[in-house]
Amino acid sequence: MKKILTSMLVALLLTSFTTQEPPKKVFIQSIENKIEIGLLTKNRNLVFGFKNILLENLQALNYDVTDSASNADYYIKVELLYFDVIETNSGISVFHKSDNETILRVRGRLYNKEGKKLKETIVSGESSEISMSTLIISENGGINQTSVSNVIKKSSETLIINLFKK
């Protein structure tokens, strides 16, 4: 009886390992900055930052990233469409509150290795930063690097999930 149970368990484990789908090989064909207004218009650093985080997210979501389109099962084209920081300030006497929301809108297209477009999606990522003080301090309203990283990470992860969900 013990041998039968052991052999059934081994057979079950072997079939579960052999039926798993191998990771999809993905190639990032291009990332274009098509932002028309603001500080990051045509900024190449944003493109490189987005590509690096997109690569990390693809690997974290169990996709194999390849350096060659000929080895890929799929390829992705990405356009950065919109980036802005919406700032809301409020204050009463010596109390000051600043709420900054960083927004990034991205379009992604998924193609198979034959070049047929399989899916297109537009996603928006948001990251909020709230600061409060009891003294009025001059703030320059610049872009916070942490918020930019957070919004890129959220946008790229949502983009991957939306492109590959069935």
N, C-alpha and C. Protein backbone atom coordinates (compact mmCIF):
# COMPACT_ATOMS: atom_id res chain seq x y z
N MET A 1 0.83 -1.19 0.00
CA MET A 1 0.00 0.00 0.00
C MET A 1 0.87 1.26 0.00
N LYS A 2 1.95 1.21 0.80
CA LYS A 2 2.84 2.36 0.88
C LYS A 2 3.52 2.62 -0.46
N LYS A 3 3.89 1.53 -1.13
CA LYS A 3 4.56 1.67 -2.43
C LYS A 3 3.61 2.27 -3.47
N ILE A 4 2.36 1.89 -3.42
CA ILE A 4 1.37 2.42 -4.37
C ILE A 4 1.18 3.92 -4.15
N LEU A 5 1.03 4.31 -2.90
CA LEU A 5 0.87 5.73 -2.58
C LEU A 5 2.10 6.54 -2.99
N THR A 6 3.28 5.99 -2.74
CA THR A 6 4.52 6.68 -3.11
C THR A 6 4.62 6.83 -4.62
N SER A 7 4.31 5.77 -5.35
CA SER A 7 4.40 5.85 -6.81
C SER A 7 3.35 6.81 -7.38
N MET A 8 2.16 6.86 -6.77
CA MET A 8 1.15 7.81 -7.21
C MET A 8 1.59 9.25 -6.95
N LEU A 9 2.20 9.47 -5.82
CA LEU A 9 2.70 10.82 -5.48
C LEU A 9 3.80 11.24 -6.44
N VAL A 10 4.72 10.33 -6.75
CA VAL A 10 5.80 10.63 -7.69
C VAL A 10 5.23 10.93 -9.08
N ALA A 11 4.26 10.12 -9.52
CA ALA A 11 3.64 10.34 -10.83
C ALA A 11 2.92 11.69 -10.88
N LEU A 12 2.25 12.05 -9.80
CA LEU A 12 1.55 13.33 -9.73
C LEU A 12 2.54 14.50 -9.81
N LEU A 13 3.64 14.38 -9.07
CA LEU A 13 4.65 15.44 -9.10
C LEU A 13 5.29 15.57 -10.47
N LEU A 14 5.59 14.45 -11.11
CA LEU A 14 6.21 14.49 -12.44
C LEU A 14 5.27 15.11 -13.47
N THR A 15 3.98 14.78 -13.42
CA THR A 15 3.05 15.36 -14.39
C THR A 15 2.85 16.84 -14.14
N SER A 16 2.90 17.27 -12.88
CA SER A 16 2.73 18.70 -12.63
C SER A 16 3.92 19.49 -13.12
N PHE A 17 5.12 18.90 -13.06
CA PHE A 17 6.30 19.61 -13.54
C PHE A 17 6.36 19.62 -15.06
N THR A 18 5.89 18.55 -15.71
CA THR A 18 5.98 18.50 -17.16
C THR A 18 4.88 19.29 -17.84
N THR A 19 3.76 19.55 -17.15
CA THR A 19 2.66 20.28 -17.78
C THR A 19 2.79 21.79 -17.60
N GLN A 20 3.78 22.24 -16.84
CA GLN A 20 3.95 23.67 -16.68
C GLN A 20 4.42 24.29 -17.98
N GLU A 21 3.85 25.43 -18.29
CA GLU A 21 4.19 26.15 -19.50
C GLU A 21 5.55 26.82 -19.33
N PRO A 22 6.44 26.67 -20.31
CA PRO A 22 7.74 27.34 -20.18
C PRO A 22 7.56 28.86 -20.23
N PRO A 23 8.47 29.59 -19.60
CA PRO A 23 8.34 31.06 -19.60
C PRO A 23 8.35 31.61 -21.03
N LYS A 24 7.55 32.65 -21.23
CA LYS A 24 7.51 33.30 -22.53
C LYS A 24 8.74 34.18 -22.70
N LYS A 25 9.33 34.13 -23.88
CA LYS A 25 10.49 34.97 -24.18
C LYS A 25 10.00 36.28 -24.77
N VAL A 26 10.42 37.39 -24.16
CA VAL A 26 9.93 38.71 -24.54
C VAL A 26 11.11 39.60 -24.92
N PHE A 27 10.91 40.36 -25.98
CA PHE A 27 11.90 41.34 -26.43
C PHE A 27 11.25 42.72 -26.39
N ILE A 28 11.93 43.68 -25.79
CA ILE A 28 11.43 45.05 -25.77
C ILE A 28 11.99 45.74 -27.00
N GLN A 29 11.12 45.95 -27.98
CA GLN A 29 11.59 46.50 -29.25
C GLN A 29 11.92 47.99 -29.14
N SER A 30 11.00 48.76 -28.54
CA SER A 30 11.28 50.19 -28.44
C SER A 30 10.47 50.81 -27.30
N ILE A 31 11.05 51.85 -26.74
CA ILE A 31 10.35 52.70 -25.78
C ILE A 31 10.56 54.12 -26.26
N GLU A 32 9.47 54.81 -26.55
CA GLU A 32 9.55 56.18 -27.07
C GLU A 32 8.93 57.15 -26.09
N ASN A 33 9.58 58.29 -25.90
CA ASN A 33 9.03 59.35 -25.07
C ASN A 33 8.23 60.27 -25.98
N LYS A 34 6.91 60.18 -25.91
CA LYS A 34 6.03 61.01 -26.72
C LYS A 34 5.33 62.06 -25.87
N ILE A 35 5.94 62.39 -24.73
CA ILE A 35 5.38 63.42 -23.85
C ILE A 35 5.58 64.76 -24.53
N GLU A 36 4.51 65.53 -24.65
CA GLU A 36 4.53 66.78 -25.41
C GLU A 36 4.78 68.02 -24.56
N ILE A 37 4.40 67.99 -23.28
CA ILE A 37 4.57 69.18 -22.44
C ILE A 37 5.20 68.80 -21.10
N GLY A 38 5.86 69.76 -20.48
CA GLY A 38 6.41 69.54 -19.15
C GLY A 38 7.91 69.37 -19.15
N LEU A 39 8.45 69.13 -17.95
CA LEU A 39 9.89 69.04 -17.77
C LEU A 39 10.51 67.82 -18.44
N LEU A 40 9.75 66.75 -18.60
CA LEU A 40 10.32 65.50 -19.11
C LEU A 40 9.99 65.26 -20.59
N THR A 41 9.66 66.32 -21.32
CA THR A 41 9.42 66.21 -22.75
C THR A 41 10.69 65.71 -23.45
N LYS A 42 10.55 64.60 -24.16
CA LYS A 42 11.64 63.98 -24.92
C LYS A 42 12.86 63.63 -24.06
N ASN A 43 12.68 63.46 -22.75
CA ASN A 43 13.78 63.16 -21.83
C ASN A 43 14.18 61.69 -21.99
N ARG A 44 15.44 61.47 -22.37
CA ARG A 44 15.94 60.11 -22.58
C ARG A 44 16.16 59.37 -21.26
N ASN A 45 16.44 60.10 -20.18
CA ASN A 45 16.64 59.45 -18.89
C ASN A 45 15.37 58.74 -18.43
N LEU A 46 14.21 59.33 -18.70
CA LEU A 46 12.93 58.71 -18.36
C LEU A 46 12.76 57.42 -19.15
N VAL A 47 13.16 57.42 -20.41
CA VAL A 47 13.06 56.23 -21.26
C VAL A 47 13.95 55.12 -20.70
N PHE A 48 15.21 55.45 -20.36
CA PHE A 48 16.12 54.43 -19.82
C PHE A 48 15.62 53.91 -18.48
N GLY A 49 15.14 54.81 -17.62
CA GLY A 49 14.61 54.39 -16.33
C GLY A 49 13.41 53.48 -16.48
N PHE A 50 12.51 53.83 -17.40
CA PHE A 50 11.33 53.01 -17.64
C PHE A 50 11.73 51.64 -18.17
N LYS A 51 12.69 51.61 -19.09
CA LYS A 51 13.12 50.32 -19.67
C LYS A 51 13.72 49.42 -18.60
N ASN A 52 14.56 49.97 -17.74
CA ASN A 52 15.18 49.16 -16.69
C ASN A 52 14.13 48.57 -15.75
N ILE A 53 13.18 49.38 -15.34
CA ILE A 53 12.15 48.90 -14.43
C ILE A 53 11.22 47.92 -15.14
N LEU A 54 10.94 48.15 -16.42
CA LEU A 54 10.12 47.20 -17.20
C LEU A 54 10.82 45.85 -17.29
N LEU A 55 12.12 45.84 -17.52
CA LEU A 55 12.88 44.59 -17.57
C LEU A 55 12.81 43.86 -16.23
N GLU A 56 12.98 44.60 -15.13
CA GLU A 56 12.90 43.99 -13.80
C GLU A 56 11.51 43.40 -13.56
N ASN A 57 10.47 44.12 -13.93
CA ASN A 57 9.11 43.63 -13.72
C ASN A 57 8.80 42.42 -14.59
N LEU A 58 9.28 42.39 -15.82
CA LEU A 58 9.08 41.22 -16.67
C LEU A 58 9.71 39.99 -16.03
N GLN A 59 10.93 40.13 -15.53
CA GLN A 59 11.61 39.00 -14.90
C GLN A 59 10.91 38.59 -13.61
N ALA A 60 10.44 39.57 -12.83
CA ALA A 60 9.73 39.26 -11.58
C ALA A 60 8.42 38.54 -11.85
N LEU A 61 7.81 38.79 -13.00
CA LEU A 61 6.55 38.14 -13.36
C LEU A 61 6.78 36.87 -14.20
N ASN A 62 8.01 36.33 -14.16
CA ASN A 62 8.39 35.05 -14.79
C ASN A 62 8.36 35.05 -16.32
N TYR A 63 8.78 36.16 -16.91
CA TYR A 63 8.99 36.20 -18.35
C TYR A 63 10.49 36.22 -18.60
N ASP A 64 10.93 35.51 -19.63
CA ASP A 64 12.33 35.54 -20.03
C ASP A 64 12.54 36.73 -20.96
N VAL A 65 13.48 37.58 -20.64
CA VAL A 65 13.78 38.73 -21.47
C VAL A 65 14.96 38.36 -22.37
N THR A 66 14.80 38.61 -23.66
CA THR A 66 15.84 38.28 -24.61
C THR A 66 16.37 39.55 -25.28
N ASP A 67 17.60 39.50 -25.74
CA ASP A 67 18.23 40.65 -26.39
C ASP A 67 18.00 40.66 -27.90
N SER A 68 17.37 39.63 -28.41
CA SER A 68 17.19 39.50 -29.85
C SER A 68 15.73 39.23 -30.18
N ALA A 69 15.21 39.95 -31.15
CA ALA A 69 13.83 39.74 -31.58
C ALA A 69 13.64 38.36 -32.22
N SER A 70 14.70 37.83 -32.82
CA SER A 70 14.59 36.52 -33.47
C SER A 70 14.42 35.39 -32.46
N ASN A 71 14.86 35.57 -31.22
CA ASN A 71 14.71 34.54 -30.18
C ASN A 71 13.43 34.69 -29.38
N ALA A 72 12.68 35.75 -29.62
CA ALA A 72 11.53 36.07 -28.77
C ALA A 72 10.24 35.44 -29.28
N ASP A 73 9.36 35.10 -28.33
CA ASP A 73 8.01 34.67 -28.68
C ASP A 73 7.11 35.88 -28.90
N TYR A 74 7.41 36.94 -28.16
CA TYR A 74 6.64 38.18 -28.22
C TYR A 74 7.58 39.36 -28.18
N TYR A 75 7.13 40.49 -28.70
CA TYR A 75 7.87 41.73 -28.48
C TYR A 75 6.90 42.85 -28.13
N ILE A 76 7.46 43.83 -27.44
CA ILE A 76 6.66 44.92 -26.88
C ILE A 76 7.18 46.24 -27.41
N LYS A 77 6.25 47.13 -27.75
CA LYS A 77 6.56 48.52 -28.06
C LYS A 77 5.85 49.38 -27.04
N VAL A 78 6.55 50.37 -26.48
CA VAL A 78 6.00 51.21 -25.43
C VAL A 78 6.14 52.67 -25.81
N GLU A 79 5.09 53.45 -25.52
CA GLU A 79 5.13 54.90 -25.71
C GLU A 79 4.77 55.56 -24.38
N LEU A 80 5.62 56.46 -23.92
CA LEU A 80 5.32 57.26 -22.73
C LEU A 80 4.52 58.45 -23.22
N LEU A 81 3.26 58.56 -22.78
CA LEU A 81 2.35 59.56 -23.35
C LEU A 81 2.21 60.82 -22.51
N TYR A 82 2.23 60.66 -21.18
CA TYR A 82 1.90 61.81 -20.33
C TYR A 82 2.63 61.66 -19.01
N PHE A 83 3.19 62.76 -18.54
CA PHE A 83 3.82 62.77 -17.22
C PHE A 83 3.58 64.15 -16.61
N ASP A 84 3.08 64.15 -15.39
CA ASP A 84 2.84 65.43 -14.73
C ASP A 84 2.80 65.23 -13.22
N VAL A 85 3.04 66.31 -12.52
CA VAL A 85 2.91 66.35 -11.07
C VAL A 85 1.81 67.35 -10.76
N ILE A 86 0.75 66.86 -10.14
CA ILE A 86 -0.35 67.73 -9.74
C ILE A 86 -0.12 68.08 -8.28
N GLU A 87 0.02 69.37 -8.02
CA GLU A 87 0.34 69.84 -6.68
C GLU A 87 -0.86 70.57 -6.08
N THR A 88 -1.22 70.18 -4.87
CA THR A 88 -2.30 70.82 -4.14
C THR A 88 -1.74 71.30 -2.81
N ASN A 89 -1.86 72.60 -2.55
CA ASN A 89 -1.36 73.18 -1.31
C ASN A 89 -2.52 73.75 -0.51
N SER A 90 -2.41 73.64 0.79
CA SER A 90 -3.38 74.28 1.66
C SER A 90 -2.65 74.74 2.92
N GLY A 91 -3.14 75.79 3.49
CA GLY A 91 -2.49 76.30 4.69
C GLY A 91 -3.42 77.16 5.52
N ILE A 92 -3.26 77.06 6.81
CA ILE A 92 -3.98 77.90 7.77
C ILE A 92 -2.95 78.42 8.74
N SER A 93 -2.77 79.70 8.77
CA SER A 93 -1.81 80.35 9.67
C SER A 93 -0.42 79.74 9.48
N VAL A 94 0.10 79.02 10.46
CA VAL A 94 1.45 78.46 10.37
C VAL A 94 1.43 76.99 9.96
N PHE A 95 0.26 76.42 9.70
CA PHE A 95 0.15 75.03 9.27
C PHE A 95 0.15 74.98 7.75
N HIS A 96 0.95 74.08 7.17
CA HIS A 96 1.04 73.95 5.71
C HIS A 96 0.94 72.47 5.33
N LYS A 97 0.14 72.19 4.30
CA LYS A 97 0.03 70.83 3.79
C LYS A 97 0.20 70.88 2.28
N SER A 98 1.04 70.00 1.77
CA SER A 98 1.28 69.90 0.33
C SER A 98 1.02 68.46 -0.09
N ASP A 99 0.23 68.29 -1.12
CA ASP A 99 -0.10 66.96 -1.65
C ASP A 99 0.30 66.95 -3.12
N ASN A 100 1.31 66.14 -3.46
CA ASN A 100 1.78 66.03 -4.84
C ASN A 100 1.43 64.65 -5.37
N GLU A 101 0.80 64.61 -6.54
CA GLU A 101 0.48 63.35 -7.17
C GLU A 101 1.20 63.28 -8.51
N THR A 102 2.07 62.29 -8.64
CA THR A 102 2.83 62.09 -9.88
C THR A 102 2.06 61.10 -10.74
N ILE A 103 1.84 61.47 -12.00
CA ILE A 103 1.03 60.65 -12.90
C ILE A 103 1.83 60.35 -14.17
N LEU A 104 1.81 59.08 -14.58
CA LEU A 104 2.46 58.66 -15.81
C LEU A 104 1.46 57.81 -16.60
N ARG A 105 1.24 58.17 -17.86
CA ARG A 105 0.35 57.43 -18.75
C ARG A 105 1.21 56.80 -19.85
N VAL A 106 0.98 55.49 -20.07
CA VAL A 106 1.82 54.71 -20.98
C VAL A 106 0.94 53.87 -21.91
N ARG A 107 1.35 53.79 -23.18
CA ARG A 107 0.67 52.90 -24.14
C ARG A 107 1.64 51.76 -24.45
N GLY A 108 1.12 50.56 -24.42
CA GLY A 108 1.92 49.39 -24.77
C GLY A 108 1.24 48.57 -25.84
N ARG A 109 2.06 48.00 -26.72
CA ARG A 109 1.55 47.13 -27.77
C ARG A 109 2.31 45.82 -27.71
N LEU A 110 1.57 44.72 -27.78
CA LEU A 110 2.15 43.38 -27.74
C LEU A 110 2.03 42.75 -29.12
N TYR A 111 3.15 42.24 -29.63
CA TYR A 111 3.19 41.59 -30.95
C TYR A 111 3.72 40.17 -30.80
N ASN A 112 3.26 39.27 -31.68
CA ASN A 112 3.86 37.94 -31.69
C ASN A 112 5.10 37.97 -32.56
N LYS A 113 5.81 36.84 -32.65
CA LYS A 113 7.09 36.84 -33.38
C LYS A 113 6.93 37.05 -34.87
N GLU A 114 5.72 36.85 -35.39
CA GLU A 114 5.46 37.11 -36.82
C GLU A 114 5.17 38.58 -37.09
N GLY A 115 5.03 39.39 -36.03
CA GLY A 115 4.77 40.81 -36.20
C GLY A 115 3.31 41.20 -36.13
N LYS A 116 2.43 40.26 -35.83
CA LYS A 116 1.00 40.55 -35.72
C LYS A 116 0.72 41.18 -34.35
N LYS A 117 0.02 42.32 -34.36
CA LYS A 117 -0.33 42.97 -33.10
C LYS A 117 -1.41 42.16 -32.41
N LEU A 118 -1.11 41.73 -31.17
CA LEU A 118 -2.04 40.92 -30.41
C LEU A 118 -2.90 41.75 -29.47
N LYS A 119 -2.31 42.80 -28.92
CA LYS A 119 -3.04 43.59 -27.93
C LYS A 119 -2.41 44.97 -27.80
N GLU A 120 -3.26 45.94 -27.46
CA GLU A 120 -2.81 47.30 -27.17
C GLU A 120 -3.55 47.77 -25.92
N THR A 121 -2.83 48.44 -25.05
CA THR A 121 -3.45 48.93 -23.83
C THR A 121 -2.79 50.25 -23.40
N ILE A 122 -3.56 51.08 -22.72
CA ILE A 122 -3.05 52.32 -22.13
C ILE A 122 -3.29 52.21 -20.63
N VAL A 123 -2.23 52.46 -19.86
CA VAL A 123 -2.34 52.40 -18.40
C VAL A 123 -1.86 53.72 -17.81
N SER A 124 -2.38 54.02 -16.63
CA SER A 124 -1.94 55.20 -15.88
C SER A 124 -1.46 54.74 -14.53
N GLY A 125 -0.32 55.27 -14.12
CA GLY A 125 0.20 55.00 -12.79
C GLY A 125 0.23 56.29 -12.00
N GLU A 126 -0.04 56.18 -10.70
CA GLU A 126 -0.06 57.36 -9.84
C GLU A 126 0.73 57.07 -8.58
N SER A 127 1.40 58.10 -8.09
CA SER A 127 2.12 58.01 -6.83
C SER A 127 1.91 59.32 -6.08
N SER A 128 1.52 59.22 -4.82
CA SER A 128 1.22 60.41 -4.03
C SER A 128 2.28 60.65 -2.98
N GLU A 129 2.50 61.92 -2.71
CA GLU A 129 3.42 62.35 -1.66
C GLU A 129 2.73 63.47 -0.89
N ILE A 130 2.62 63.29 0.40
CA ILE A 130 1.98 64.31 1.25
C ILE A 130 3.01 64.79 2.26
N SER A 131 3.15 66.09 2.35
CA SER A 131 4.05 66.64 3.37
C SER A 131 3.30 67.71 4.15
N MET A 132 3.58 67.75 5.44
CA MET A 132 2.95 68.74 6.31
C MET A 132 4.02 69.40 7.17
N SER A 133 3.78 70.65 7.47
CA SER A 133 4.70 71.36 8.36
C SER A 133 3.92 72.40 9.14
N THR A 134 4.50 72.81 10.25
CA THR A 134 3.85 73.85 11.06
C THR A 134 4.49 75.20 10.83
N LEU A 135 5.52 75.24 10.00
CA LEU A 135 6.12 76.50 9.58
C LEU A 135 6.00 76.62 8.08
N ILE A 136 5.82 77.81 7.60
CA ILE A 136 5.73 77.99 6.16
C ILE A 136 7.14 78.00 5.60
N ILE A 137 7.42 76.99 4.77
CA ILE A 137 8.75 76.82 4.19
C ILE A 137 8.61 76.95 2.68
N SER A 138 9.51 77.65 2.08
CA SER A 138 9.48 77.79 0.63
C SER A 138 9.81 76.45 -0.02
N GLU A 139 8.95 76.02 -0.93
CA GLU A 139 9.17 74.77 -1.64
C GLU A 139 9.27 75.06 -3.12
N ASN A 140 10.19 74.37 -3.78
CA ASN A 140 10.42 74.65 -5.20
C ASN A 140 9.48 73.88 -6.12
N GLY A 141 8.69 72.95 -5.58
CA GLY A 141 7.75 72.21 -6.42
C GLY A 141 8.41 71.28 -7.40
N GLY A 142 9.64 70.86 -7.14
CA GLY A 142 10.36 69.96 -8.04
C GLY A 142 9.80 68.55 -8.01
N ILE A 143 10.31 67.74 -8.89
CA ILE A 143 9.86 66.37 -9.00
C ILE A 143 10.63 65.51 -8.01
N ASN A 144 9.91 64.73 -7.23
CA ASN A 144 10.51 63.85 -6.24
C ASN A 144 10.90 62.54 -6.92
N GLN A 145 12.17 62.14 -6.78
CA GLN A 145 12.69 60.95 -7.44
C GLN A 145 11.98 59.68 -6.97
N THR A 146 11.62 59.62 -5.69
CA THR A 146 10.92 58.45 -5.18
C THR A 146 9.55 58.31 -5.83
N SER A 147 8.84 59.41 -5.99
CA SER A 147 7.53 59.36 -6.64
C SER A 147 7.65 58.93 -8.10
N VAL A 148 8.68 59.41 -8.77
CA VAL A 148 8.90 59.02 -10.17
C VAL A 148 9.17 57.52 -10.25
N SER A 149 10.03 57.00 -9.39
CA SER A 149 10.32 55.56 -9.38
C SER A 149 9.07 54.74 -9.09
N ASN A 150 8.28 55.19 -8.11
CA ASN A 150 7.06 54.46 -7.77
C ASN A 150 6.07 54.44 -8.92
N VAL A 151 5.89 55.58 -9.59
CA VAL A 151 4.91 55.64 -10.66
C VAL A 151 5.39 54.83 -11.88
N ILE A 152 6.68 54.80 -12.13
CA ILE A 152 7.20 53.98 -13.24
C ILE A 152 7.01 52.50 -12.92
N LYS A 153 7.30 52.12 -11.69
CA LYS A 153 7.14 50.71 -11.29
C LYS A 153 5.69 50.27 -11.40
N LYS A 154 4.77 51.08 -10.90
CA LYS A 154 3.35 50.74 -10.97
C LYS A 154 2.86 50.66 -12.41
N SER A 155 3.26 51.64 -13.23
CA SER A 155 2.82 51.68 -14.62
C SER A 155 3.34 50.49 -15.41
N SER A 156 4.62 50.16 -15.24
CA SER A 156 5.19 49.06 -16.03
C SER A 156 4.60 47.72 -15.61
N GLU A 157 4.36 47.53 -14.31
CA GLU A 157 3.77 46.27 -13.86
C GLU A 157 2.34 46.12 -14.38
N THR A 158 1.56 47.18 -14.30
CA THR A 158 0.18 47.14 -14.81
C THR A 158 0.18 46.92 -16.32
N LEU A 159 1.12 47.54 -17.03
CA LEU A 159 1.22 47.37 -18.47
C LEU A 159 1.48 45.91 -18.83
N ILE A 160 2.42 45.27 -18.16
CA ILE A 160 2.75 43.86 -18.43
C ILE A 160 1.53 42.98 -18.16
N ILE A 161 0.91 43.18 -17.03
CA ILE A 161 -0.25 42.35 -16.66
C ILE A 161 -1.36 42.53 -17.68
N ASN A 162 -1.64 43.77 -18.09
CA ASN A 162 -2.71 44.01 -19.06
C ASN A 162 -2.40 43.44 -20.45
N LEU A 163 -1.13 43.52 -20.86
CA LEU A 163 -0.77 43.01 -22.18
C LEU A 163 -0.83 41.49 -22.26
N PHE A 164 -0.47 40.81 -21.19
CA PHE A 164 -0.39 39.35 -21.25
C PHE A 164 -1.60 38.62 -20.68
N LYS A 165 -2.57 39.35 -20.08
CA LYS A 165 -3.75 38.63 -19.58
C LYS A 165 -4.63 38.24 -20.74
N LYS A 166 -5.29 37.13 -20.56
CA LYS A 166 -6.10 36.59 -21.67
C LYS A 166 -7.52 37.04 -21.58
